[in-house]
Amino acid sequence: MYDSGLLLLIIVVGILWFWLDNARAKELATTQGSRICRQHNLQFLEETAVLRATSLRRTPGGLRLQREFAFEYTEEGMTRHRGSIILIGTRVHHFELEGTHWLEAEAEKETNPIDPTGSNVVPFKPREPS
């Protein structure tokens, strides 16, 4: 009798934990999506992120839940673009914006006077013989 009740309690607590953890992750993804849009001068639409996928991911700290959230944004108010955020645990692992924003990142690399590839390695000039 007690074994089945304890098992049921463990299952209910596990489901409750998973539901609350997903709600917290959704809030975090929504906050981060809004922040990313502000940084790129975009309008975050619907003020929410939607869970697309959940999986387990092995990290140096052990197994973590990886969640992928989708959101929509607009540049000028007429067309919608999709963005995504991948969270591992409660940390943002990766984000992506659809459209021309990747081209802007490439343009920044091209304007780097030190190295057009965007590397942080500074090349040394060879010495002139004396």
N, C-alpha and C. Protein backbone atom coordinates (compact mmCIF):
# COMPACT_ATOMS: atom_id res chain seq x y z
N MET A 1 0.82 -1.20 0.00
CA MET A 1 0.00 0.00 0.00
C MET A 1 0.86 1.26 0.00
N TYR A 2 1.85 1.30 0.91
CA TYR A 2 2.69 2.50 1.00
C TYR A 2 3.60 2.64 -0.22
N ASP A 3 4.03 1.53 -0.80
CA ASP A 3 4.91 1.60 -1.96
C ASP A 3 4.22 2.25 -3.16
N SER A 4 2.98 1.89 -3.41
CA SER A 4 2.28 2.47 -4.55
C SER A 4 1.96 3.95 -4.30
N GLY A 5 1.65 4.30 -3.06
CA GLY A 5 1.40 5.70 -2.73
C GLY A 5 2.65 6.55 -2.86
N LEU A 6 3.79 5.99 -2.42
CA LEU A 6 5.06 6.70 -2.53
C LEU A 6 5.46 6.87 -3.99
N LEU A 7 5.27 5.84 -4.80
CA LEU A 7 5.57 5.92 -6.22
C LEU A 7 4.70 6.97 -6.90
N LEU A 8 3.42 7.01 -6.58
CA LEU A 8 2.52 8.00 -7.14
C LEU A 8 2.94 9.42 -6.73
N LEU A 9 3.34 9.59 -5.48
CA LEU A 9 3.80 10.90 -5.00
C LEU A 9 5.06 11.34 -5.75
N ILE A 10 6.00 10.43 -5.96
CA ILE A 10 7.23 10.75 -6.68
C ILE A 10 6.91 11.15 -8.12
N ILE A 11 6.00 10.45 -8.77
CA ILE A 11 5.61 10.78 -10.14
C ILE A 11 4.95 12.15 -10.20
N VAL A 12 4.05 12.43 -9.27
CA VAL A 12 3.36 13.73 -9.24
C VAL A 12 4.35 14.86 -8.99
N VAL A 13 5.28 14.66 -8.06
CA VAL A 13 6.29 15.69 -7.77
C VAL A 13 7.19 15.90 -8.99
N GLY A 14 7.57 14.83 -9.69
CA GLY A 14 8.40 14.95 -10.89
C GLY A 14 7.70 15.72 -11.99
N ILE A 15 6.42 15.44 -12.20
CA ILE A 15 5.64 16.16 -13.22
C ILE A 15 5.50 17.63 -12.84
N LEU A 16 5.25 17.90 -11.58
CA LEU A 16 5.11 19.29 -11.11
C LEU A 16 6.43 20.04 -11.28
N TRP A 17 7.56 19.39 -10.92
CA TRP A 17 8.86 20.03 -11.09
C TRP A 17 9.11 20.34 -12.57
N PHE A 18 8.83 19.38 -13.47
CA PHE A 18 9.05 19.57 -14.90
C PHE A 18 8.19 20.72 -15.43
N TRP A 19 6.95 20.79 -15.01
CA TRP A 19 6.04 21.85 -15.46
C TRP A 19 6.54 23.23 -14.99
N LEU A 20 6.93 23.32 -13.71
CA LEU A 20 7.43 24.60 -13.18
C LEU A 20 8.75 25.00 -13.82
N ASP A 21 9.62 24.03 -14.07
CA ASP A 21 10.90 24.32 -14.71
C ASP A 21 10.70 24.80 -16.14
N ASN A 22 9.74 24.21 -16.85
CA ASN A 22 9.42 24.67 -18.21
C ASN A 22 8.86 26.09 -18.18
N ALA A 23 8.02 26.39 -17.20
CA ALA A 23 7.46 27.75 -17.09
C ALA A 23 8.57 28.76 -16.82
N ARG A 24 9.52 28.40 -15.96
CA ARG A 24 10.63 29.31 -15.67
C ARG A 24 11.51 29.50 -16.91
N ALA A 25 11.76 28.42 -17.65
CA ALA A 25 12.57 28.50 -18.87
C ALA A 25 11.87 29.36 -19.92
N LYS A 26 10.55 29.26 -20.02
CA LYS A 26 9.80 30.08 -20.98
C LYS A 26 9.91 31.56 -20.63
N GLU A 27 9.82 31.88 -19.34
CA GLU A 27 9.99 33.28 -18.91
C GLU A 27 11.38 33.79 -19.27
N LEU A 28 12.38 32.95 -19.03
CA LEU A 28 13.75 33.34 -19.34
C LEU A 28 13.94 33.53 -20.85
N ALA A 29 13.40 32.63 -21.65
CA ALA A 29 13.51 32.75 -23.11
C ALA A 29 12.79 34.00 -23.61
N THR A 30 11.64 34.31 -23.03
CA THR A 30 10.90 35.51 -23.42
C THR A 30 11.69 36.77 -23.07
N THR A 31 12.27 36.79 -21.88
CA THR A 31 13.08 37.94 -21.44
C THR A 31 14.30 38.10 -22.34
N GLN A 32 14.98 36.99 -22.63
CA GLN A 32 16.18 37.07 -23.45
C GLN A 32 15.85 37.42 -24.90
N GLY A 33 14.75 36.90 -25.43
CA GLY A 33 14.33 37.26 -26.79
C GLY A 33 14.03 38.75 -26.91
N SER A 34 13.37 39.29 -25.89
CA SER A 34 13.08 40.72 -25.88
C SER A 34 14.37 41.54 -25.81
N ARG A 35 15.32 41.10 -24.98
CA ARG A 35 16.61 41.80 -24.85
C ARG A 35 17.39 41.76 -26.16
N ILE A 36 17.42 40.59 -26.80
CA ILE A 36 18.14 40.45 -28.08
C ILE A 36 17.53 41.37 -29.14
N CYS A 37 16.21 41.43 -29.19
CA CYS A 37 15.55 42.30 -30.16
C CYS A 37 15.88 43.77 -29.88
N ARG A 38 15.88 44.18 -28.63
CA ARG A 38 16.23 45.57 -28.29
C ARG A 38 17.65 45.87 -28.73
N GLN A 39 18.58 44.93 -28.50
CA GLN A 39 19.98 45.15 -28.88
C GLN A 39 20.16 45.33 -30.39
N HIS A 40 19.29 44.69 -31.17
CA HIS A 40 19.40 44.77 -32.62
C HIS A 40 18.38 45.74 -33.23
N ASN A 41 17.77 46.58 -32.41
CA ASN A 41 16.78 47.56 -32.83
C ASN A 41 15.62 46.91 -33.59
N LEU A 42 15.09 45.84 -33.02
CA LEU A 42 13.97 45.11 -33.58
C LEU A 42 12.79 45.15 -32.62
N GLN A 43 11.61 44.88 -33.13
CA GLN A 43 10.42 44.84 -32.29
C GLN A 43 10.09 43.37 -32.01
N PHE A 44 10.06 43.00 -30.74
CA PHE A 44 9.73 41.65 -30.30
C PHE A 44 8.22 41.51 -30.35
N LEU A 45 7.71 40.60 -31.19
CA LEU A 45 6.27 40.46 -31.39
C LEU A 45 5.66 39.47 -30.40
N GLU A 46 4.42 39.68 -30.08
CA GLU A 46 3.62 38.81 -29.22
C GLU A 46 4.11 38.77 -27.77
N GLU A 47 5.28 39.35 -27.50
CA GLU A 47 5.86 39.36 -26.16
C GLU A 47 5.93 37.98 -25.53
N THR A 48 6.20 36.96 -26.34
CA THR A 48 6.32 35.60 -25.81
C THR A 48 7.20 34.75 -26.71
N ALA A 49 7.75 33.70 -26.12
CA ALA A 49 8.52 32.69 -26.84
C ALA A 49 7.78 31.37 -26.69
N VAL A 50 7.84 30.54 -27.73
CA VAL A 50 7.09 29.28 -27.76
C VAL A 50 8.07 28.11 -27.75
N LEU A 51 7.84 27.15 -26.88
CA LEU A 51 8.70 25.96 -26.78
C LEU A 51 8.52 25.11 -28.03
N ARG A 52 9.64 24.82 -28.73
CA ARG A 52 9.59 23.98 -29.92
C ARG A 52 10.10 22.57 -29.66
N ALA A 53 11.13 22.43 -28.81
CA ALA A 53 11.72 21.11 -28.59
C ALA A 53 12.36 21.06 -27.21
N THR A 54 12.34 19.87 -26.63
CA THR A 54 13.00 19.61 -25.35
C THR A 54 13.78 18.31 -25.50
N SER A 55 15.03 18.32 -25.04
CA SER A 55 15.84 17.11 -25.10
C SER A 55 16.86 17.14 -23.96
N LEU A 56 17.53 16.03 -23.75
CA LEU A 56 18.60 15.96 -22.76
C LEU A 56 19.92 16.23 -23.45
N ARG A 57 20.81 16.93 -22.77
CA ARG A 57 22.12 17.25 -23.34
C ARG A 57 23.18 16.99 -22.28
N ARG A 58 24.22 16.30 -22.66
CA ARG A 58 25.33 16.04 -21.75
C ARG A 58 26.24 17.26 -21.72
N THR A 59 26.54 17.75 -20.52
CA THR A 59 27.43 18.89 -20.33
C THR A 59 28.51 18.47 -19.34
N PRO A 60 29.56 19.27 -19.17
CA PRO A 60 30.57 18.93 -18.17
C PRO A 60 29.98 18.83 -16.75
N GLY A 61 28.87 19.51 -16.50
CA GLY A 61 28.22 19.47 -15.19
C GLY A 61 27.23 18.33 -15.04
N GLY A 62 27.07 17.50 -16.07
CA GLY A 62 26.12 16.40 -16.03
C GLY A 62 25.04 16.58 -17.08
N LEU A 63 23.96 15.82 -16.96
CA LEU A 63 22.85 15.93 -17.90
C LEU A 63 22.02 17.17 -17.61
N ARG A 64 21.68 17.89 -18.65
CA ARG A 64 20.84 19.08 -18.53
C ARG A 64 19.73 19.01 -19.56
N LEU A 65 18.65 19.72 -19.28
CA LEU A 65 17.57 19.84 -20.26
C LEU A 65 17.94 20.93 -21.27
N GLN A 66 17.82 20.61 -22.53
CA GLN A 66 18.00 21.59 -23.60
C GLN A 66 16.64 21.89 -24.17
N ARG A 67 16.31 23.19 -24.21
CA ARG A 67 15.02 23.60 -24.74
C ARG A 67 15.25 24.61 -25.86
N GLU A 68 14.49 24.45 -26.95
CA GLU A 68 14.56 25.39 -28.04
C GLU A 68 13.25 26.15 -28.11
N PHE A 69 13.35 27.47 -28.06
CA PHE A 69 12.18 28.35 -28.11
C PHE A 69 12.21 29.15 -29.39
N ALA A 70 11.03 29.43 -29.93
CA ALA A 70 10.90 30.26 -31.13
C ALA A 70 10.15 31.53 -30.75
N PHE A 71 10.48 32.61 -31.45
CA PHE A 71 9.77 33.87 -31.27
C PHE A 71 9.74 34.58 -32.61
N GLU A 72 8.94 35.62 -32.69
CA GLU A 72 8.85 36.40 -33.92
C GLU A 72 9.21 37.85 -33.63
N TYR A 73 9.77 38.49 -34.64
CA TYR A 73 10.15 39.90 -34.53
C TYR A 73 9.94 40.57 -35.87
N THR A 74 9.98 41.88 -35.86
CA THR A 74 9.88 42.65 -37.10
C THR A 74 10.91 43.75 -37.09
N GLU A 75 11.36 44.11 -38.28
CA GLU A 75 12.32 45.22 -38.41
C GLU A 75 11.59 46.54 -38.60
N GLU A 76 10.60 46.56 -39.48
CA GLU A 76 9.93 47.80 -39.84
C GLU A 76 8.45 47.80 -39.52
N GLY A 77 7.93 46.70 -38.97
CA GLY A 77 6.53 46.65 -38.60
C GLY A 77 5.63 46.01 -39.63
N MET A 78 6.16 45.64 -40.78
CA MET A 78 5.32 45.07 -41.84
C MET A 78 5.48 43.56 -41.97
N THR A 79 6.70 43.06 -41.91
CA THR A 79 6.94 41.63 -42.11
C THR A 79 7.43 40.98 -40.83
N ARG A 80 7.04 39.72 -40.66
CA ARG A 80 7.46 38.95 -39.50
C ARG A 80 8.66 38.08 -39.86
N HIS A 81 9.59 37.99 -38.91
CA HIS A 81 10.75 37.11 -39.06
C HIS A 81 10.78 36.21 -37.83
N ARG A 82 11.42 35.06 -37.99
CA ARG A 82 11.51 34.11 -36.89
C ARG A 82 12.89 34.19 -36.24
N GLY A 83 12.89 34.00 -34.94
CA GLY A 83 14.12 33.88 -34.19
C GLY A 83 14.03 32.66 -33.30
N SER A 84 15.16 32.21 -32.81
CA SER A 84 15.14 31.06 -31.90
C SER A 84 16.21 31.24 -30.83
N ILE A 85 15.93 30.65 -29.69
CA ILE A 85 16.84 30.67 -28.54
C ILE A 85 16.96 29.24 -28.05
N ILE A 86 18.18 28.79 -27.82
CA ILE A 86 18.40 27.47 -27.23
C ILE A 86 18.94 27.67 -25.82
N LEU A 87 18.22 27.12 -24.85
CA LEU A 87 18.65 27.16 -23.46
C LEU A 87 19.14 25.78 -23.06
N ILE A 88 20.26 25.74 -22.36
CA ILE A 88 20.71 24.50 -21.72
C ILE A 88 20.64 24.78 -20.24
N GLY A 89 19.74 24.10 -19.56
CA GLY A 89 19.45 24.44 -18.18
C GLY A 89 18.79 25.80 -18.15
N THR A 90 19.42 26.74 -17.46
CA THR A 90 18.89 28.11 -17.42
C THR A 90 19.82 29.10 -18.11
N ARG A 91 20.74 28.60 -18.93
CA ARG A 91 21.67 29.48 -19.62
C ARG A 91 21.38 29.50 -21.11
N VAL A 92 21.51 30.68 -21.71
CA VAL A 92 21.34 30.81 -23.16
C VAL A 92 22.58 30.21 -23.81
N HIS A 93 22.37 29.19 -24.62
CA HIS A 93 23.47 28.52 -25.31
C HIS A 93 23.67 29.14 -26.70
N HIS A 94 22.57 29.48 -27.37
CA HIS A 94 22.65 29.96 -28.75
C HIS A 94 21.38 30.73 -29.08
N PHE A 95 21.49 31.74 -29.90
CA PHE A 95 20.29 32.38 -30.45
C PHE A 95 20.52 32.66 -31.92
N GLU A 96 19.43 32.76 -32.66
CA GLU A 96 19.52 32.97 -34.09
C GLU A 96 18.39 33.90 -34.52
N LEU A 97 18.75 34.84 -35.39
CA LEU A 97 17.77 35.74 -35.99
C LEU A 97 17.73 35.49 -37.48
N GLU A 98 16.54 35.31 -38.02
CA GLU A 98 16.37 35.08 -39.45
C GLU A 98 16.52 36.39 -40.21
N GLY A 99 16.99 36.32 -41.41
CA GLY A 99 17.01 37.51 -42.25
C GLY A 99 18.38 38.12 -42.40
N THR A 100 18.42 39.44 -42.48
CA THR A 100 19.64 40.15 -42.84
C THR A 100 20.60 40.37 -41.69
N HIS A 101 20.25 39.99 -40.51
CA HIS A 101 21.11 40.31 -39.37
C HIS A 101 22.42 39.54 -39.39
N TRP A 102 22.45 38.39 -40.06
CA TRP A 102 23.72 37.69 -40.19
C TRP A 102 24.63 38.46 -41.13
N LEU A 103 24.07 39.13 -42.11
CA LEU A 103 24.87 39.93 -43.02
C LEU A 103 25.50 41.11 -42.29
N GLU A 104 24.78 41.68 -41.33
CA GLU A 104 25.35 42.79 -40.57
C GLU A 104 26.55 42.33 -39.76
N ALA A 105 26.48 41.13 -39.21
CA ALA A 105 27.61 40.61 -38.45
C ALA A 105 28.81 40.40 -39.38
N GLU A 106 28.56 39.94 -40.61
CA GLU A 106 29.63 39.78 -41.57
C GLU A 106 30.23 41.13 -41.96
N ALA A 107 29.39 42.16 -42.08
CA ALA A 107 29.88 43.49 -42.43
C ALA A 107 30.79 44.04 -41.33
N GLU A 108 30.47 43.75 -40.07
CA GLU A 108 31.32 44.20 -38.98
C GLU A 108 32.70 43.56 -39.08
N LYS A 109 32.77 42.29 -39.46
CA LYS A 109 34.06 41.62 -39.61
C LYS A 109 34.87 42.26 -40.73
N GLU A 110 34.19 42.66 -41.82
CA GLU A 110 34.89 43.24 -42.95
C GLU A 110 35.46 44.62 -42.63
N THR A 111 34.89 45.31 -41.66
CA THR A 111 35.39 46.64 -41.32
C THR A 111 36.46 46.60 -40.25
N ASN A 112 36.84 45.42 -39.78
CA ASN A 112 37.88 45.30 -38.76
C ASN A 112 39.22 45.62 -39.42
N PRO A 113 39.91 46.69 -39.01
CA PRO A 113 41.14 47.09 -39.68
C PRO A 113 42.29 46.11 -39.42
N ILE A 114 42.23 45.36 -38.35
CA ILE A 114 43.34 44.46 -38.02
C ILE A 114 43.25 43.19 -38.84
N ASP A 115 42.09 42.55 -38.84
CA ASP A 115 41.95 41.26 -39.52
C ASP A 115 40.54 41.15 -40.08
N PRO A 116 40.37 41.09 -41.39
CA PRO A 116 39.02 41.03 -41.96
C PRO A 116 38.28 39.74 -41.65
N THR A 117 38.97 38.70 -41.15
CA THR A 117 38.28 37.46 -40.83
C THR A 117 37.59 37.53 -39.48
N GLY A 118 37.84 38.58 -38.71
CA GLY A 118 37.20 38.73 -37.41
C GLY A 118 38.01 38.08 -36.29
N SER A 119 39.18 37.57 -36.60
CA SER A 119 40.01 36.91 -35.60
C SER A 119 40.58 37.96 -34.65
N ASN A 120 40.89 37.54 -33.43
CA ASN A 120 41.48 38.48 -32.48
C ASN A 120 43.00 38.36 -32.44
N VAL A 121 43.60 37.65 -33.41
CA VAL A 121 45.04 37.50 -33.49
C VAL A 121 45.61 38.67 -34.28
N VAL A 122 46.59 39.35 -33.71
CA VAL A 122 47.22 40.49 -34.37
C VAL A 122 48.47 39.99 -35.08
N PRO A 123 48.56 40.15 -36.41
CA PRO A 123 49.74 39.67 -37.14
C PRO A 123 50.95 40.58 -36.87
N PHE A 124 52.10 39.96 -36.76
CA PHE A 124 53.33 40.72 -36.56
C PHE A 124 53.98 40.99 -37.91
N LYS A 125 54.60 42.18 -38.03
CA LYS A 125 55.32 42.52 -39.25
C LYS A 125 56.72 41.94 -39.15
N PRO A 126 57.23 41.41 -40.24
CA PRO A 126 58.61 40.87 -40.19
C PRO A 126 59.60 42.00 -39.99
N ARG A 127 60.68 41.67 -39.31
CA ARG A 127 61.74 42.66 -39.06
C ARG A 127 62.50 42.94 -40.35
N GLU A 128 62.90 44.19 -40.46
CA GLU A 128 63.75 44.55 -41.61
C GLU A 128 65.19 44.25 -41.24
N PRO A 129 65.92 43.67 -42.17
CA PRO A 129 67.32 43.36 -41.86
C PRO A 129 68.11 44.65 -41.60
N SER A 130 69.03 44.56 -40.63
CA SER A 130 69.82 45.76 -40.30
C SER A 130 71.23 45.66 -40.77
